[in-house]
Each structure stands twice: as structure tokens, then as C-alpha cells.
Amino acid sequence: MAKKCAICGKGQITGNKVSHSNRHSRRTWMPNVKKVRAIVNGSPKKITVCTRCLRSGKVERAI
């Protein structure tokens, strides 16, 4: 699965995982992206889109 949304550009971000004893280690947060068939420039095409863009209606899905 791709790691970046084709509509909004949302991608992987990094930071620290902090334990109860306050030890820090690096970790990543991945966006929730799905591969969907959408209408791009008048024709259906498979693109990866985050679920927030799908829910808000920024993508016209091809049926």
C-alpha cells in the first residue's frame, strides 16, 4: 500500500514513543490510505486516498 494520499498529500510522520517510565524511542504514524478507483480528468484511475478525503467527498469514486 502506498504511504501518501494523492489528494491532500498526507504522509508518514515520526516522533517518539514514550513509555510509562519516560523512556523515548522513535516510532512512525502512518496515514489510513486506501486504493480506490476514482474519476481523474474524466476517466477512472486507481489512486491512493486517505479515508478523511474519502469521507469529506473530495474524491469522486468510479463505479
PDB file of N, CA and C in Angstrom:
ATOM      1  N   MET A   1       0.840  -1.175   0.000  1.00  0.00           N
ATOM      2  CA  MET A   1       0.000   0.000   0.000  1.00  0.00           C
ATOM      3  C   MET A   1       0.887   1.241   0.000  1.00  0.00           C
ATOM      4  N   ALA A   2       0.477   2.232  -0.742  1.00  0.00           N
ATOM      5  CA  ALA A   2       1.239   3.464  -0.793  1.00  0.00           C
ATOM      6  C   ALA A   2       1.144   4.195   0.543  1.00  0.00           C
ATOM      7  N   LYS A   3       2.065   5.075   0.774  1.00  0.00           N
ATOM      8  CA  LYS A   3       2.147   5.716   2.067  1.00  0.00           C
ATOM      9  C   LYS A   3       1.716   7.176   2.037  1.00  0.00           C
ATOM     10  N   LYS A   4       1.214   7.663   0.898  1.00  0.00           N
ATOM     11  CA  LYS A   4       0.857   9.071   0.784  1.00  0.00           C
ATOM     12  C   LYS A   4      -0.466   9.230   0.049  1.00  0.00           C
ATOM     13  N   CYS A   5      -1.282  10.163   0.527  1.00  0.00           N
ATOM     14  CA  CYS A   5      -2.571  10.442  -0.100  1.00  0.00           C
ATOM     15  C   CYS A   5      -2.351  11.252  -1.376  1.00  0.00           C
ATOM     16  N   ALA A   6      -3.034  10.854  -2.460  1.00  0.00           N
ATOM     17  CA  ALA A   6      -2.883  11.551  -3.732  1.00  0.00           C
ATOM     18  C   ALA A   6      -3.623  12.882  -3.743  1.00  0.00           C
ATOM     19  N   ILE A   7      -4.577  13.096  -2.838  1.00  0.00           N
ATOM     20  CA  ILE A   7      -5.373  14.322  -2.822  1.00  0.00           C
ATOM     21  C   ILE A   7      -4.749  15.382  -1.912  1.00  0.00           C
ATOM     22  N   CYS A   8      -4.574  15.050  -0.646  1.00  0.00           N
ATOM     23  CA  CYS A   8      -4.101  16.063   0.317  1.00  0.00           C
ATOM     24  C   CYS A   8      -2.605  15.954   0.620  1.00  0.00           C
ATOM     25  N   GLY A   9      -1.968  14.860   0.201  1.00  0.00           N
ATOM     26  CA  GLY A   9      -0.532  14.722   0.428  1.00  0.00           C
ATOM     27  C   GLY A   9      -0.160  14.251   1.815  1.00  0.00           C
ATOM     28  N   LYS A  10      -1.147  13.817   2.593  1.00  0.00           N
ATOM     29  CA  LYS A  10      -0.865  13.339   3.942  1.00  0.00           C
ATOM     30  C   LYS A  10       0.041  12.117   3.877  1.00  0.00           C
ATOM     31  N   GLY A  11       1.107  12.117   4.662  1.00  0.00           N
ATOM     32  CA  GLY A  11       2.068  11.020   4.636  1.00  0.00           C
ATOM     33  C   GLY A  11       2.496  10.606   6.025  1.00  0.00           C
ATOM     34  N   GLN A  12       3.553   9.827   6.070  1.00  0.00           N
ATOM     35  CA  GLN A  12       4.074   9.305   7.323  1.00  0.00           C
ATOM     36  C   GLN A  12       4.711  10.422   8.154  1.00  0.00           C
ATOM     37  N   ILE A  13       4.462  10.416   9.475  1.00  0.00           N
ATOM     38  CA  ILE A  13       5.139  11.349  10.368  1.00  0.00           C
ATOM     39  C   ILE A  13       5.861  10.558  11.444  1.00  0.00           C
ATOM     40  N   THR A  14       6.889  11.139  12.010  1.00  0.00           N
ATOM     41  CA  THR A  14       7.696  10.440  13.007  1.00  0.00           C
ATOM     42  C   THR A  14       7.681  11.213  14.317  1.00  0.00           C
ATOM     43  N   GLY A  15       7.999  10.496  15.366  1.00  0.00           N
ATOM     44  CA  GLY A  15       8.055  11.102  16.688  1.00  0.00           C
ATOM     45  C   GLY A  15       8.606  10.115  17.680  1.00  0.00           C
ATOM     46  N   ASN A  16       8.307  10.326  18.935  1.00  0.00           N
ATOM     47  CA  ASN A  16       8.806   9.468  19.995  1.00  0.00           C
ATOM     48  C   ASN A  16       7.693   8.659  20.624  1.00  0.00           C
ATOM     49  N   LYS A  17       7.969   7.373  20.871  1.00  0.00           N
ATOM     50  CA  LYS A  17       7.108   6.558  21.710  1.00  0.00           C
ATOM     51  C   LYS A  17       7.639   6.745  23.125  1.00  0.00           C
ATOM     52  N   VAL A  18       6.776   7.104  24.054  1.00  0.00           N
ATOM     53  CA  VAL A  18       7.206   7.384  25.419  1.00  0.00           C
ATOM     54  C   VAL A  18       6.565   6.361  26.342  1.00  0.00           C
ATOM     55  N   SER A  19       7.383   5.605  27.041  1.00  0.00           N
ATOM     56  CA  SER A  19       6.885   4.570  27.934  1.00  0.00           C
ATOM     57  C   SER A  19       6.448   5.173  29.269  1.00  0.00           C
ATOM     58  N   HIS A  20       5.870   4.326  30.091  1.00  0.00           N
ATOM     59  CA  HIS A  20       5.431   4.767  31.411  1.00  0.00           C
ATOM     60  C   HIS A  20       6.606   5.255  32.245  1.00  0.00           C
ATOM     61  N   SER A  21       7.787   4.656  32.047  1.00  0.00           N
ATOM     62  CA  SER A  21       8.981   5.082  32.787  1.00  0.00           C
ATOM     63  C   SER A  21       9.705   6.233  32.091  1.00  0.00           C
ATOM     64  N   ASN A  22       9.052   6.828  31.067  1.00  0.00           N
ATOM     65  CA  ASN A  22       9.538   8.005  30.340  1.00  0.00           C
ATOM     66  C   ASN A  22      10.753   7.723  29.466  1.00  0.00           C
ATOM     67  N   ARG A  23      10.942   6.467  29.043  1.00  0.00           N
ATOM     68  CA  ARG A  23      11.985   6.148  28.067  1.00  0.00           C
ATOM     69  C   ARG A  23      11.458   6.513  26.681  1.00  0.00           C
ATOM     70  N   HIS A  24      12.319   7.059  25.841  1.00  0.00           N
ATOM     71  CA  HIS A  24      11.925   7.501  24.500  1.00  0.00           C
ATOM     72  C   HIS A  24      12.547   6.598  23.438  1.00  0.00           C
ATOM     73  N   SER A  25      11.735   6.210  22.466  1.00  0.00           N
ATOM     74  CA  SER A  25      12.237   5.509  21.289  1.00  0.00           C
ATOM     75  C   SER A  25      11.456   6.012  20.082  1.00  0.00           C
ATOM     76  N   ARG A  26      12.092   5.975  18.918  1.00  0.00           N
ATOM     77  CA  ARG A  26      11.490   6.534  17.713  1.00  0.00           C
ATOM     78  C   ARG A  26      10.378   5.624  17.191  1.00  0.00           C
ATOM     79  N   ARG A  27       9.346   6.226  16.622  1.00  0.00           N
ATOM     80  CA  ARG A  27       8.264   5.484  16.004  1.00  0.00           C
ATOM     81  C   ARG A  27       7.670   6.305  14.878  1.00  0.00           C
ATOM     82  N   THR A  28       6.804   5.670  14.061  1.00  0.00           N
ATOM     83  CA  THR A  28       6.167   6.364  12.957  1.00  0.00           C
ATOM     84  C   THR A  28       4.658   6.202  13.056  1.00  0.00           C
ATOM     85  N   TRP A  29       3.940   7.187  12.519  1.00  0.00           N
ATOM     86  CA  TRP A  29       2.489   7.132  12.389  1.00  0.00           C
ATOM     87  C   TRP A  29       2.186   7.138  10.908  1.00  0.00           C
ATOM     88  N   MET A  30       1.428   6.127  10.450  1.00  0.00           N
ATOM     89  CA  MET A  30       1.084   6.005   9.048  1.00  0.00           C
ATOM     90  C   MET A  30      -0.342   6.505   8.816  1.00  0.00           C
ATOM     91  N   PRO A  31      -0.604   7.176   7.688  1.00  0.00           N
ATOM     92  CA  PRO A  31      -1.969   7.600   7.389  1.00  0.00           C
ATOM     93  C   PRO A  31      -2.808   6.396   6.970  1.00  0.00           C
ATOM     94  N   ASN A  32      -4.103   6.500   7.158  1.00  0.00           N
ATOM     95  CA  ASN A  32      -5.033   5.440   6.772  1.00  0.00           C
ATOM     96  C   ASN A  32      -5.407   5.666   5.306  1.00  0.00           C
ATOM     97  N   VAL A  33      -4.627   5.080   4.391  1.00  0.00           N
ATOM     98  CA  VAL A  33      -4.873   5.268   2.968  1.00  0.00           C
ATOM     99  C   VAL A  33      -5.431   3.998   2.352  1.00  0.00           C
ATOM    100  N   LYS A  34      -6.312   4.178   1.375  1.00  0.00           N
ATOM    101  CA  LYS A  34      -6.950   3.079   0.665  1.00  0.00           C
ATOM    102  C   LYS A  34      -6.717   3.267  -0.828  1.00  0.00           C
ATOM    103  N   LYS A  35      -6.628   2.153  -1.558  1.00  0.00           N
ATOM    104  CA  LYS A  35      -6.516   2.200  -3.013  1.00  0.00           C
ATOM    105  C   LYS A  35      -7.923   2.142  -3.581  1.00  0.00           C
ATOM    106  N   VAL A  36      -8.347   3.204  -4.270  1.00  0.00           N
ATOM    107  CA  VAL A  36      -9.710   3.290  -4.796  1.00  0.00           C
ATOM    108  C   VAL A  36      -9.674   3.662  -6.270  1.00  0.00           C
ATOM    109  N   ARG A  37     -10.733   3.297  -6.982  1.00  0.00           N
ATOM    110  CA  ARG A  37     -10.922   3.740  -8.357  1.00  0.00           C
ATOM    111  C   ARG A  37     -11.683   5.056  -8.304  1.00  0.00           C
ATOM    112  N   ALA A  38     -11.075   6.099  -8.824  1.00  0.00           N
ATOM    113  CA  ALA A  38     -11.680   7.425  -8.777  1.00  0.00           C
ATOM    114  C   ALA A  38     -11.657   8.042 -10.167  1.00  0.00           C
ATOM    115  N   ILE A  39     -12.501   9.034 -10.363  1.00  0.00           N
ATOM    116  CA  ILE A  39     -12.537   9.768 -11.624  1.00  0.00           C
ATOM    117  C   ILE A  39     -11.451  10.845 -11.580  1.00  0.00           C
ATOM    118  N   VAL A  40     -10.439  10.697 -12.437  1.00  0.00           N
ATOM    119  CA  VAL A  40      -9.348  11.667 -12.531  1.00  0.00           C
ATOM    120  C   VAL A  40      -9.286  12.145 -13.981  1.00  0.00           C
ATOM    121  N   ASN A  41      -9.503  13.432 -14.185  1.00  0.00           N
ATOM    122  CA  ASN A  41      -9.519  14.039 -15.531  1.00  0.00           C
ATOM    123  C   ASN A  41     -10.507  13.343 -16.460  1.00  0.00           C
ATOM    124  N   GLY A  42     -11.665  12.977 -15.934  1.00  0.00           N
ATOM    125  CA  GLY A  42     -12.727  12.400 -16.752  1.00  0.00           C
ATOM    126  C   GLY A  42     -12.656  10.905 -16.984  1.00  0.00           C
ATOM    127  N   SER A  43     -11.598  10.236 -16.507  1.00  0.00           N
ATOM    128  CA  SER A  43     -11.504   8.789 -16.703  1.00  0.00           C
ATOM    129  C   SER A  43     -11.189   8.110 -15.372  1.00  0.00           C
ATOM    130  N   PRO A  44     -11.637   6.868 -15.198  1.00  0.00           N
ATOM    131  CA  PRO A  44     -11.361   6.172 -13.942  1.00  0.00           C
ATOM    132  C   PRO A  44      -9.892   5.762 -13.840  1.00  0.00           C
ATOM    133  N   LYS A  45      -9.350   5.903 -12.646  1.00  0.00           N
ATOM    134  CA  LYS A  45      -7.952   5.588 -12.406  1.00  0.00           C
ATOM    135  C   LYS A  45      -7.810   5.129 -10.961  1.00  0.00           C
ATOM    136  N   LYS A  46      -6.886   4.202 -10.693  1.00  0.00           N
ATOM    137  CA  LYS A  46      -6.639   3.756  -9.323  1.00  0.00           C
ATOM    138  C   LYS A  46      -5.663   4.714  -8.649  1.00  0.00           C
ATOM    139  N   ILE A  47      -6.090   5.296  -7.533  1.00  0.00           N
ATOM    140  CA  ILE A  47      -5.227   6.185  -6.760  1.00  0.00           C
ATOM    141  C   ILE A  47      -5.333   5.811  -5.291  1.00  0.00           C
ATOM    142  N   THR A  48      -4.360   6.242  -4.507  1.00  0.00           N
ATOM    143  CA  THR A  48      -4.408   6.015  -3.060  1.00  0.00           C
ATOM    144  C   THR A  48      -4.891   7.291  -2.397  1.00  0.00           C
ATOM    145  N   VAL A  49      -5.902   7.147  -1.553  1.00  0.00           N
ATOM    146  CA  VAL A  49      -6.562   8.288  -0.934  1.00  0.00           C
ATOM    147  C   VAL A  49      -6.741   7.993   0.550  1.00  0.00           C
ATOM    148  N   CYS A  50      -6.527   9.003   1.388  1.00  0.00           N
ATOM    149  CA  CYS A  50      -6.752   8.812   2.814  1.00  0.00           C
ATOM    150  C   CYS A  50      -8.262   8.791   3.091  1.00  0.00           C
ATOM    151  N   THR A  51      -8.638   8.169   4.167  1.00  0.00           N
ATOM    152  CA  THR A  51     -10.053   7.998   4.481  1.00  0.00           C
ATOM    153  C   THR A  51     -10.720   9.324   4.810  1.00  0.00           C
ATOM    154  N   ARG A  52      -9.991  10.301   5.269  1.00  0.00           N
ATOM    155  CA  ARG A  52     -10.568  11.609   5.534  1.00  0.00           C
ATOM    156  C   ARG A  52     -11.030  12.280   4.246  1.00  0.00           C
ATOM    157  N   CYS A  53     -10.236  12.161   3.177  1.00  0.00           N
ATOM    158  CA  CYS A  53     -10.627  12.722   1.878  1.00  0.00           C
ATOM    159  C   CYS A  53     -11.813  11.969   1.293  1.00  0.00           C
ATOM    160  N   LEU A  54     -11.858  10.652   1.479  1.00  0.00           N
ATOM    161  CA  LEU A  54     -12.999   9.866   1.005  1.00  0.00           C
ATOM    162  C   LEU A  54     -14.271  10.286   1.719  1.00  0.00           C
ATOM    163  N   ARG A  55     -14.194  10.446   3.027  1.00  0.00           N
ATOM    164  CA  ARG A  55     -15.376  10.765   3.827  1.00  0.00           C
ATOM    165  C   ARG A  55     -15.879  12.165   3.546  1.00  0.00           C
ATOM    166  N   SER A  56     -14.977  13.108   3.295  1.00  0.00           N
ATOM    167  CA  SER A  56     -15.401  14.504   3.096  1.00  0.00           C
ATOM    168  C   SER A  56     -15.870  14.783   1.673  1.00  0.00           C
ATOM    169  N   GLY A  57     -15.746  13.797   0.764  1.00  0.00           N
ATOM    170  CA  GLY A  57     -16.260  13.970  -0.576  1.00  0.00           C
ATOM    171  C   GLY A  57     -15.313  14.675  -1.529  1.00  0.00           C
ATOM    172  N   LYS A  58     -14.023  14.700  -1.228  1.00  0.00           N
ATOM    173  CA  LYS A  58     -13.052  15.335  -2.123  1.00  0.00           C
ATOM    174  C   LYS A  58     -12.732  14.450  -3.325  1.00  0.00           C
ATOM    175  N   VAL A  59     -13.193  13.187  -3.277  1.00  0.00           N
ATOM    176  CA  VAL A  59     -12.898  12.226  -4.341  1.00  0.00           C
ATOM    177  C   VAL A  59     -14.212  11.745  -4.939  1.00  0.00           C
ATOM    178  N   GLU A  60     -14.309  11.757  -6.276  1.00  0.00           N
ATOM    179  CA  GLU A  60     -15.470  11.181  -6.939  1.00  0.00           C
ATOM    180  C   GLU A  60     -15.109   9.764  -7.339  1.00  0.00           C
ATOM    181  N   ARG A  61     -15.762   8.785  -6.717  1.00  0.00           N
ATOM    182  CA  ARG A  61     -15.419   7.390  -6.956  1.00  0.00           C
ATOM    183  C   ARG A  61     -16.036   6.894  -8.244  1.00  0.00           C
ATOM    184  N   ALA A  62     -15.300   6.032  -8.936  1.00  0.00           N
ATOM    185  CA  ALA A  62     -15.792   5.390 -10.160  1.00  0.00           C
ATOM    186  C   ALA A  62     -16.464   4.088  -9.769  1.00  0.00           C
ATOM    187  N   ILE A  63     -17.601   3.801 -10.408  1.00  0.00           N
ATOM    188  CA  ILE A  63     -18.336   2.576 -10.060  1.00  0.00           C
ATOM    189  C   ILE A  63     -18.199   1.554 -11.169  1.00  0.00           C
TER     190      ILE A  63
END
